[in-house]
Amino acid sequence: INVHLIDTKAVSIIIAHEVKELIRLIESGYKAEQIIPAMNQMIQDSEIYVFIEDLNNLVKGGRAKAASAFIGSVLKIYPILRFEDDGTVDVFEKIRTEGKIKKSWLRIYEEARAQFGDRLHLGFAHGDAYDKAIEFRDFFLENYPNEDIIIRYLTPVVGVHGGKGALGMGLLVDADLD
């Protein structure tokens, strides 16, 4: 048995998409020599952004200081976290309202759509915030009515640090071998 290891550098809906794409490539008859570089490129191209509603979860998990969380909560500032290429998580931007988060995410999506075209798919992952995920999905469908948008739960690790109300937007890019 030949084993090939691939570091997904991702979580949640991105990993699920990567597995789905891997199965598609294998079933299409591609060989490991073709699949591995395509998977690595897909991993680099796919992204997830997470907005944290309750900053206290970041404090409990050691990801933020209590004073920062208090000020952010009082001012209603939501951090948007982004998973970087090396697997780390950094603050991408800080936004004051959910409406501005939607507009920011729509801009990010449109930039990715211009780059990847039909290879791009969209998904939302939530921390016990299904209604919020539906709201964001519906906002995107107003602008892109033909987009097939998936909704899933956040993975346990992200869910623990993000807590209830956390919402992630995944830009899911298909492998480019066809």
C-alpha atoms as a PDB file:
ATOM      1  CA  ILE A   1       0.000   0.000   0.000  1.00  0.00           C
ATOM      2  CA  ASN A   2       1.344   3.389  -0.970  1.00  0.00           C
ATOM      3  CA  VAL A   3       0.478   6.131   1.501  1.00  0.00           C
ATOM      4  CA  HIS A   4       0.562   9.821   0.630  1.00  0.00           C
ATOM      5  CA  LEU A   5       0.167  12.410   3.380  1.00  0.00           C
ATOM      6  CA  ILE A   6      -1.371  15.780   2.682  1.00  0.00           C
ATOM      7  CA  ASP A   7      -1.562  18.557   5.280  1.00  0.00           C
ATOM      8  CA  THR A   8      -5.010  20.074   4.810  1.00  0.00           C
ATOM      9  CA  LYS A   9      -4.100  23.162   6.877  1.00  0.00           C
ATOM     10  CA  ALA A  10      -7.819  23.612   7.359  1.00  0.00           C
ATOM     11  CA  VAL A  11     -10.842  22.854   9.471  1.00  0.00           C
ATOM     12  CA  SER A  12     -14.535  22.246   9.200  1.00  0.00           C
ATOM     13  CA  ILE A  13     -16.224  22.547   5.818  1.00  0.00           C
ATOM     14  CA  ILE A  14     -12.915  23.023   4.016  1.00  0.00           C
ATOM     15  CA  ILE A  15     -11.705  19.539   5.039  1.00  0.00           C
ATOM     16  CA  ALA A  16     -15.047  18.028   4.040  1.00  0.00           C
ATOM     17  CA  HIS A  17     -14.742  19.697   0.626  1.00  0.00           C
ATOM     18  CA  GLU A  18     -11.147  18.482   0.239  1.00  0.00           C
ATOM     19  CA  VAL A  19     -12.188  14.898   0.948  1.00  0.00           C
ATOM     20  CA  LYS A  20     -15.063  15.164  -1.529  1.00  0.00           C
ATOM     21  CA  GLU A  21     -12.697  16.489  -4.190  1.00  0.00           C
ATOM     22  CA  LEU A  22     -10.125  13.770  -3.453  1.00  0.00           C
ATOM     23  CA  ILE A  23     -12.775  11.086  -3.951  1.00  0.00           C
ATOM     24  CA  ARG A  24     -13.899  12.753  -7.201  1.00  0.00           C
ATOM     25  CA  LEU A  25     -10.334  12.786  -8.535  1.00  0.00           C
ATOM     26  CA  ILE A  26      -9.701   9.151  -7.596  1.00  0.00           C
ATOM     27  CA  GLU A  27     -12.997   8.021  -9.134  1.00  0.00           C
ATOM     28  CA  SER A  28     -12.153  10.022 -12.285  1.00  0.00           C
ATOM     29  CA  GLY A  29      -9.058   7.868 -12.705  1.00  0.00           C
ATOM     30  CA  TYR A  30      -6.350  10.364 -11.823  1.00  0.00           C
ATOM     31  CA  LYS A  31      -3.133   8.981 -10.358  1.00  0.00           C
ATOM     32  CA  ALA A  32      -1.434  10.091  -7.144  1.00  0.00           C
ATOM     33  CA  GLU A  33       1.223  11.978  -9.139  1.00  0.00           C
ATOM     34  CA  GLN A  34      -1.539  14.159 -10.574  1.00  0.00           C
ATOM     35  CA  ILE A  35      -3.752  14.348  -7.505  1.00  0.00           C
ATOM     36  CA  ILE A  36      -1.192  15.422  -4.904  1.00  0.00           C
ATOM     37  CA  PRO A  37      -0.139  18.705  -6.582  1.00  0.00           C
ATOM     38  CA  ALA A  38      -3.776  19.482  -7.443  1.00  0.00           C
ATOM     39  CA  MET A  39      -4.831  18.870  -3.823  1.00  0.00           C
ATOM     40  CA  ASN A  40      -1.997  21.042  -2.502  1.00  0.00           C
ATOM     41  CA  GLN A  41      -3.042  23.871  -4.814  1.00  0.00           C
ATOM     42  CA  MET A  42      -6.689  23.467  -3.797  1.00  0.00           C
ATOM     43  CA  ILE A  43      -5.682  23.575  -0.135  1.00  0.00           C
ATOM     44  CA  GLN A  44      -3.779  26.800  -0.728  1.00  0.00           C
ATOM     45  CA  ASP A  45      -6.698  28.360  -2.639  1.00  0.00           C
ATOM     46  CA  SER A  46      -9.517  27.482  -0.209  1.00  0.00           C
ATOM     47  CA  GLU A  47     -10.125  29.774   2.758  1.00  0.00           C
ATOM     48  CA  ILE A  48     -12.290  30.078   5.842  1.00  0.00           C
ATOM     49  CA  TYR A  49     -13.192  33.202   7.766  1.00  0.00           C
ATOM     50  CA  VAL A  50     -14.857  33.018  11.192  1.00  0.00           C
ATOM     51  CA  PHE A  51     -16.679  35.747  13.034  1.00  0.00           C
ATOM     52  CA  ILE A  52     -16.863  35.433  16.799  1.00  0.00           C
ATOM     53  CA  GLU A  53     -19.982  36.789  18.435  1.00  0.00           C
ATOM     54  CA  ASP A  54     -19.063  36.221  22.099  1.00  0.00           C
ATOM     55  CA  LEU A  55     -15.495  37.298  22.808  1.00  0.00           C
ATOM     56  CA  ASN A  56     -15.538  35.676  26.266  1.00  0.00           C
ATOM     57  CA  ASN A  57     -15.010  32.302  24.608  1.00  0.00           C
ATOM     58  CA  LEU A  58     -11.710  33.550  23.221  1.00  0.00           C
ATOM     59  CA  VAL A  59     -10.688  34.623  26.744  1.00  0.00           C
ATOM     60  CA  LYS A  60     -11.612  31.242  28.239  1.00  0.00           C
ATOM     61  CA  GLY A  61      -9.615  29.489  25.524  1.00  0.00           C
ATOM     62  CA  GLY A  62      -6.590  31.712  26.102  1.00  0.00           C
ATOM     63  CA  ARG A  63      -6.907  33.370  22.682  1.00  0.00           C
ATOM     64  CA  ALA A  64      -7.695  36.895  23.945  1.00  0.00           C
ATOM     65  CA  LYS A  65      -7.159  39.057  26.991  1.00  0.00           C
ATOM     66  CA  ALA A  66     -10.128  39.837  29.239  1.00  0.00           C
ATOM     67  CA  ALA A  67      -9.712  43.609  28.822  1.00  0.00           C
ATOM     68  CA  SER A  68      -9.752  43.332  25.019  1.00  0.00           C
ATOM     69  CA  ALA A  69     -12.837  41.126  25.124  1.00  0.00           C
ATOM     70  CA  PHE A  70     -14.609  43.542  27.478  1.00  0.00           C
ATOM     71  CA  ILE A  71     -13.886  46.565  25.274  1.00  0.00           C
ATOM     72  CA  GLY A  72     -14.822  44.637  22.134  1.00  0.00           C
ATOM     73  CA  SER A  73     -18.090  43.483  23.699  1.00  0.00           C
ATOM     74  CA  VAL A  74     -19.022  46.973  24.885  1.00  0.00           C
ATOM     75  CA  LEU A  75     -18.259  48.514  21.490  1.00  0.00           C
ATOM     76  CA  LYS A  76     -19.844  45.578  19.632  1.00  0.00           C
ATOM     77  CA  ILE A  77     -16.664  44.889  17.693  1.00  0.00           C
ATOM     78  CA  TYR A  78     -16.508  41.449  16.136  1.00  0.00           C
ATOM     79  CA  PRO A  79     -13.168  39.966  15.143  1.00  0.00           C
ATOM     80  CA  ILE A  80     -13.053  38.172  11.815  1.00  0.00           C
ATOM     81  CA  LEU A  81     -10.495  35.399  12.087  1.00  0.00           C
ATOM     82  CA  ARG A  82      -8.774  33.894   9.072  1.00  0.00           C
ATOM     83  CA  PHE A  83      -6.948  30.601   8.844  1.00  0.00           C
ATOM     84  CA  GLU A  84      -3.571  31.344   7.283  1.00  0.00           C
ATOM     85  CA  ASP A  85      -1.639  29.158   4.821  1.00  0.00           C
ATOM     86  CA  ASP A  86       0.558  27.782   7.610  1.00  0.00           C
ATOM     87  CA  GLY A  87      -2.470  26.666   9.646  1.00  0.00           C
ATOM     88  CA  THR A  88      -2.357  29.512  12.180  1.00  0.00           C
ATOM     89  CA  VAL A  89      -5.333  31.718  12.951  1.00  0.00           C
ATOM     90  CA  ASP A  90      -5.025  35.503  12.773  1.00  0.00           C
ATOM     91  CA  VAL A  91      -7.379  38.455  13.051  1.00  0.00           C
ATOM     92  CA  PHE A  92      -8.282  39.408   9.495  1.00  0.00           C
ATOM     93  CA  GLU A  93     -10.319  42.474  10.424  1.00  0.00           C
ATOM     94  CA  LYS A  94     -12.534  43.891  13.162  1.00  0.00           C
ATOM     95  CA  ILE A  95     -16.068  44.899  12.231  1.00  0.00           C
ATOM     96  CA  ARG A  96     -18.826  46.585  14.234  1.00  0.00           C
ATOM     97  CA  THR A  97     -22.031  45.161  12.759  1.00  0.00           C
ATOM     98  CA  GLU A  98     -23.255  41.955  11.159  1.00  0.00           C
ATOM     99  CA  GLY A  99     -24.370  43.989   8.138  1.00  0.00           C
ATOM    100  CA  LYS A 100     -20.788  45.111   7.575  1.00  0.00           C
ATOM    101  CA  ILE A 101     -19.593  41.527   8.009  1.00  0.00           C
ATOM    102  CA  LYS A 102     -21.984  40.450   5.231  1.00  0.00           C
ATOM    103  CA  LYS A 103     -20.675  43.197   2.936  1.00  0.00           C
ATOM    104  CA  SER A 104     -17.053  42.341   3.728  1.00  0.00           C
ATOM    105  CA  TRP A 105     -17.634  38.636   3.120  1.00  0.00           C
ATOM    106  CA  LEU A 106     -19.505  39.397  -0.109  1.00  0.00           C
ATOM    107  CA  ARG A 107     -16.507  41.430  -1.329  1.00  0.00           C
ATOM    108  CA  ILE A 108     -14.145  38.565  -0.412  1.00  0.00           C
ATOM    109  CA  TYR A 109     -16.415  36.085  -2.185  1.00  0.00           C
ATOM    110  CA  GLU A 110     -16.647  38.246  -5.318  1.00  0.00           C
ATOM    111  CA  GLU A 111     -12.855  38.564  -5.492  1.00  0.00           C
ATOM    112  CA  ALA A 112     -12.529  34.780  -5.188  1.00  0.00           C
ATOM    113  CA  ARG A 113     -15.301  34.249  -7.768  1.00  0.00           C
ATOM    114  CA  ALA A 114     -13.386  36.475 -10.219  1.00  0.00           C
ATOM    115  CA  GLN A 115     -10.267  34.366  -9.659  1.00  0.00           C
ATOM    116  CA  PHE A 116     -11.718  30.835  -9.580  1.00  0.00           C
ATOM    117  CA  GLY A 117     -15.005  31.093 -11.487  1.00  0.00           C
ATOM    118  CA  ASP A 118     -17.152  27.960 -11.372  1.00  0.00           C
ATOM    119  CA  ARG A 119     -14.488  26.121  -9.366  1.00  0.00           C
ATOM    120  CA  LEU A 120     -15.539  28.199  -6.317  1.00  0.00           C
ATOM    121  CA  HIS A 121     -18.267  27.067  -3.941  1.00  0.00           C
ATOM    122  CA  LEU A 122     -19.529  28.681  -0.767  1.00  0.00           C
ATOM    123  CA  GLY A 123     -20.321  27.236   2.621  1.00  0.00           C
ATOM    124  CA  PHE A 124     -21.183  28.447   6.099  1.00  0.00           C
ATOM    125  CA  ALA A 125     -20.279  26.616   9.298  1.00  0.00           C
ATOM    126  CA  HIS A 126     -21.823  27.660  12.574  1.00  0.00           C
ATOM    127  CA  GLY A 127     -21.512  27.182  16.311  1.00  0.00           C
ATOM    128  CA  ASP A 128     -25.148  26.497  17.214  1.00  0.00           C
ATOM    129  CA  ALA A 129     -26.222  29.478  15.093  1.00  0.00           C
ATOM    130  CA  TYR A 130     -28.204  27.840  12.316  1.00  0.00           C
ATOM    131  CA  ASP A 131     -30.595  30.797  11.964  1.00  0.00           C
ATOM    132  CA  LYS A 132     -27.649  33.157  11.490  1.00  0.00           C
ATOM    133  CA  ALA A 133     -26.135  30.815   8.897  1.00  0.00           C
ATOM    134  CA  ILE A 134     -29.466  30.807   7.034  1.00  0.00           C
ATOM    135  CA  GLU A 135     -29.573  34.619   7.203  1.00  0.00           C
ATOM    136  CA  PHE A 136     -26.073  34.901   5.705  1.00  0.00           C
ATOM    137  CA  ARG A 137     -26.871  32.242   3.086  1.00  0.00           C
ATOM    138  CA  ASP A 138     -30.007  34.129   2.061  1.00  0.00           C
ATOM    139  CA  PHE A 139     -28.046  37.391   1.803  1.00  0.00           C
ATOM    140  CA  PHE A 140     -25.608  35.711  -0.597  1.00  0.00           C
ATOM    141  CA  LEU A 141     -28.444  34.124  -2.563  1.00  0.00           C
ATOM    142  CA  GLU A 142     -29.937  37.587  -3.157  1.00  0.00           C
ATOM    143  CA  ASN A 143     -26.733  38.455  -5.017  1.00  0.00           C
ATOM    144  CA  TYR A 144     -25.912  34.999  -6.426  1.00  0.00           C
ATOM    145  CA  PRO A 145     -29.233  33.119  -6.727  1.00  0.00           C
ATOM    146  CA  ASN A 146     -27.698  30.111  -8.522  1.00  0.00           C
ATOM    147  CA  GLU A 147     -25.001  29.428  -5.912  1.00  0.00           C
ATOM    148  CA  ASP A 148     -25.353  26.099  -4.111  1.00  0.00           C
ATOM    149  CA  ILE A 149     -24.449  27.068  -0.537  1.00  0.00           C
ATOM    150  CA  ILE A 150     -23.866  24.413   2.102  1.00  0.00           C
ATOM    151  CA  ILE A 151     -24.418  24.875   5.829  1.00  0.00           C
ATOM    152  CA  ARG A 152     -22.697  22.703   8.436  1.00  0.00           C
ATOM    153  CA  TYR A 153     -21.609  22.837  12.070  1.00  0.00           C
ATOM    154  CA  LEU A 154     -18.200  24.164  13.014  1.00  0.00           C
ATOM    155  CA  THR A 155     -15.737  21.501  14.051  1.00  0.00           C
ATOM    156  CA  PRO A 156     -15.413  20.994  17.832  1.00  0.00           C
ATOM    157  CA  VAL A 157     -12.084  22.826  18.189  1.00  0.00           C
ATOM    158  CA  VAL A 158     -13.285  25.929  16.361  1.00  0.00           C
ATOM    159  CA  GLY A 159     -16.650  25.679  18.083  1.00  0.00           C
ATOM    160  CA  VAL A 160     -15.028  25.618  21.525  1.00  0.00           C
ATOM    161  CA  HIS A 161     -12.878  28.676  20.864  1.00  0.00           C
ATOM    162  CA  GLY A 162     -15.563  30.539  18.922  1.00  0.00           C
ATOM    163  CA  GLY A 163     -18.469  29.451  21.074  1.00  0.00           C
ATOM    164  CA  LYS A 164     -22.166  29.690  20.468  1.00  0.00           C
ATOM    165  CA  GLY A 165     -22.980  32.153  17.732  1.00  0.00           C
ATOM    166  CA  ALA A 166     -19.689  31.811  15.855  1.00  0.00           C
ATOM    167  CA  LEU A 167     -20.099  31.695  12.095  1.00  0.00           C
ATOM    168  CA  GLY A 168     -17.590  30.732   9.449  1.00  0.00           C
ATOM    169  CA  MET A 169     -17.622  31.393   5.719  1.00  0.00           C
ATOM    170  CA  GLY A 170     -15.725  28.866   3.640  1.00  0.00           C
ATOM    171  CA  LEU A 171     -14.473  29.553   0.132  1.00  0.00           C
ATOM    172  CA  LEU A 172     -14.289  26.046  -1.268  1.00  0.00           C
ATOM    173  CA  VAL A 173     -12.203  25.715  -4.419  1.00  0.00           C
ATOM    174  CA  ASP A 174     -12.333  22.584  -6.590  1.00  0.00           C
ATOM    175  CA  ALA A 175      -9.141  20.919  -7.777  1.00  0.00           C
ATOM    176  CA  ASP A 176      -8.073  21.993 -11.250  1.00  0.00           C
ATOM    177  CA  LEU A 177      -7.363  18.842 -13.257  1.00  0.00           C
ATOM    178  CA  ASP A 178     -10.264  18.682 -15.692  1.00  0.00           C
END
